[in-house]
Amino acid sequence: MIKEETWSVSIQRARAFFREQSDVTEENADHYSFGSCRISLTELKPKGMGVWAAKRIKVRMEGEDADVEAIYHRYFIQFLSTGG
């Protein structure tokens, strides 16, 4: 399964989230693993909305369905209130 989405979350907050997960391994600042799931973060150009620019990242998760769904659910619940 591959899940790829753009979120209005700073890359620093996303990194902090994955680093806080005891069962997630950091491969480098923007690549993590959870079971069979490989997670990558890509910082995107901020999206301008008038005088305000929203930070954005692309989150890509790829691996066996159960692993992708499990870590995605945690990520989704963590950042749901940001309007990702």
C-alpha atoms as a PDB file:
ATOM      1  CA  MET A   1       0.000   0.000   0.000  1.00  0.00           C
ATOM      2  CA  ILE A   2       1.143   3.532  -0.742  1.00  0.00           C
ATOM      3  CA  LYS A   3      -0.350   6.536   0.995  1.00  0.00           C
ATOM      4  CA  GLU A   4       0.886   9.953  -0.128  1.00  0.00           C
ATOM      5  CA  GLU A   5      -0.638  13.215   1.060  1.00  0.00           C
ATOM      6  CA  THR A   6       0.147  16.895   1.418  1.00  0.00           C
ATOM      7  CA  TRP A   7      -0.305  18.302   4.921  1.00  0.00           C
ATOM      8  CA  SER A   8      -0.226  21.859   6.291  1.00  0.00           C
ATOM      9  CA  VAL A   9       2.212  20.915   9.033  1.00  0.00           C
ATOM     10  CA  SER A  10       5.779  22.127   9.460  1.00  0.00           C
ATOM     11  CA  ILE A  11       8.407  19.534   8.716  1.00  0.00           C
ATOM     12  CA  GLN A  12       9.850  20.084  12.209  1.00  0.00           C
ATOM     13  CA  ARG A  13       6.550  19.055  13.834  1.00  0.00           C
ATOM     14  CA  ALA A  14       6.253  15.968  11.630  1.00  0.00           C
ATOM     15  CA  ARG A  15       9.853  14.977  12.419  1.00  0.00           C
ATOM     16  CA  ALA A  16       9.184  15.431  16.134  1.00  0.00           C
ATOM     17  CA  PHE A  17       6.083  13.242  15.901  1.00  0.00           C
ATOM     18  CA  PHE A  18       7.921  10.331  14.265  1.00  0.00           C
ATOM     19  CA  ARG A  19      10.908  10.671  16.636  1.00  0.00           C
ATOM     20  CA  GLU A  20       8.554  10.409  19.631  1.00  0.00           C
ATOM     21  CA  GLN A  21       7.139   7.054  18.470  1.00  0.00           C
ATOM     22  CA  SER A  22       8.970   4.296  20.349  1.00  0.00           C
ATOM     23  CA  ASP A  23       8.415   1.761  17.547  1.00  0.00           C
ATOM     24  CA  VAL A  24       9.506   4.039  14.673  1.00  0.00           C
ATOM     25  CA  THR A  25      13.158   4.022  13.555  1.00  0.00           C
ATOM     26  CA  GLU A  26      14.735   7.199  12.221  1.00  0.00           C
ATOM     27  CA  GLU A  27      16.916   6.490   9.195  1.00  0.00           C
ATOM     28  CA  ASN A  28      17.743  10.183   8.726  1.00  0.00           C
ATOM     29  CA  ALA A  29      15.945  13.485   9.343  1.00  0.00           C
ATOM     30  CA  ASP A  30      13.282  12.835   6.704  1.00  0.00           C
ATOM     31  CA  HIS A  31      13.086   9.032   6.439  1.00  0.00           C
ATOM     32  CA  TYR A  32      11.647   6.664   9.020  1.00  0.00           C
ATOM     33  CA  SER A  33      10.489   3.064   9.218  1.00  0.00           C
ATOM     34  CA  PHE A  34       7.682   1.348  11.081  1.00  0.00           C
ATOM     35  CA  GLY A  35       7.609  -2.401  10.543  1.00  0.00           C
ATOM     36  CA  SER A  36       7.470  -2.844   6.767  1.00  0.00           C
ATOM     37  CA  CYS A  37       6.375   0.778   6.253  1.00  0.00           C
ATOM     38  CA  ARG A  38       8.881   3.268   4.877  1.00  0.00           C
ATOM     39  CA  ILE A  39       7.992   6.880   5.668  1.00  0.00           C
ATOM     40  CA  SER A  40       9.411   9.902   3.877  1.00  0.00           C
ATOM     41  CA  LEU A  41       8.837  13.600   4.498  1.00  0.00           C
ATOM     42  CA  THR A  42       9.393  16.248   1.840  1.00  0.00           C
ATOM     43  CA  GLU A  43       9.177  19.948   2.600  1.00  0.00           C
ATOM     44  CA  LEU A  44       7.146  21.790  -0.025  1.00  0.00           C
ATOM     45  CA  LYS A  45       7.070  25.454  -0.936  1.00  0.00           C
ATOM     46  CA  PRO A  46       4.642  27.329   1.364  1.00  0.00           C
ATOM     47  CA  LYS A  47       1.240  27.959  -0.159  1.00  0.00           C
ATOM     48  CA  GLY A  48       0.383  31.650  -0.179  1.00  0.00           C
ATOM     49  CA  MET A  49      -3.025  32.733   1.024  1.00  0.00           C
ATOM     50  CA  GLY A  50      -3.049  36.507   0.851  1.00  0.00           C
ATOM     51  CA  VAL A  51      -0.508  37.801   3.364  1.00  0.00           C
ATOM     52  CA  TRP A  52      -0.298  34.404   5.094  1.00  0.00           C
ATOM     53  CA  ALA A  53       1.767  31.463   3.826  1.00  0.00           C
ATOM     54  CA  ALA A  54       0.952  27.952   5.037  1.00  0.00           C
ATOM     55  CA  LYS A  55       3.836  25.548   5.596  1.00  0.00           C
ATOM     56  CA  ARG A  56       3.364  22.281   3.727  1.00  0.00           C
ATOM     57  CA  ILE A  57       4.911  18.847   3.571  1.00  0.00           C
ATOM     58  CA  LYS A  58       4.376  15.724   1.522  1.00  0.00           C
ATOM     59  CA  VAL A  59       4.113  12.573   3.622  1.00  0.00           C
ATOM     60  CA  ARG A  60       4.633   9.260   1.837  1.00  0.00           C
ATOM     61  CA  MET A  61       4.100   5.908   3.526  1.00  0.00           C
ATOM     62  CA  GLU A  62       4.756   2.671   1.675  1.00  0.00           C
ATOM     63  CA  GLY A  63       4.629  -0.905   2.914  1.00  0.00           C
ATOM     64  CA  GLU A  64       2.282  -3.680   3.971  1.00  0.00           C
ATOM     65  CA  ASP A  65      -1.300  -2.503   4.441  1.00  0.00           C
ATOM     66  CA  ALA A  66      -1.486  -3.157   8.193  1.00  0.00           C
ATOM     67  CA  ASP A  67       1.721  -1.234   8.962  1.00  0.00           C
ATOM     68  CA  VAL A  68       0.822   1.728   6.736  1.00  0.00           C
ATOM     69  CA  GLU A  69      -2.674   1.940   8.202  1.00  0.00           C
ATOM     70  CA  ALA A  70      -1.426   1.721  11.801  1.00  0.00           C
ATOM     71  CA  ILE A  71       1.178   4.504  11.605  1.00  0.00           C
ATOM     72  CA  TYR A  72      -1.001   6.649   9.339  1.00  0.00           C
ATOM     73  CA  HIS A  73      -3.829   6.457  11.882  1.00  0.00           C
ATOM     74  CA  ARG A  74      -1.513   7.761  14.620  1.00  0.00           C
ATOM     75  CA  TYR A  75      -0.232  10.553  12.369  1.00  0.00           C
ATOM     76  CA  PHE A  76      -3.756  11.475  11.275  1.00  0.00           C
ATOM     77  CA  ILE A  77      -5.073  11.669  14.848  1.00  0.00           C
ATOM     78  CA  GLN A  78      -2.053  13.766  15.944  1.00  0.00           C
ATOM     79  CA  PHE A  79      -2.433  16.371  13.195  1.00  0.00           C
ATOM     80  CA  LEU A  80      -6.166  16.237  12.456  1.00  0.00           C
ATOM     81  CA  SER A  81      -6.791  19.507  14.300  1.00  0.00           C
ATOM     82  CA  THR A  82      -4.279  21.355  12.087  1.00  0.00           C
ATOM     83  CA  GLY A  83      -6.465  20.911   9.042  1.00  0.00           C
ATOM     84  CA  GLY A  84      -3.810  18.832   7.221  1.00  0.00           C
END
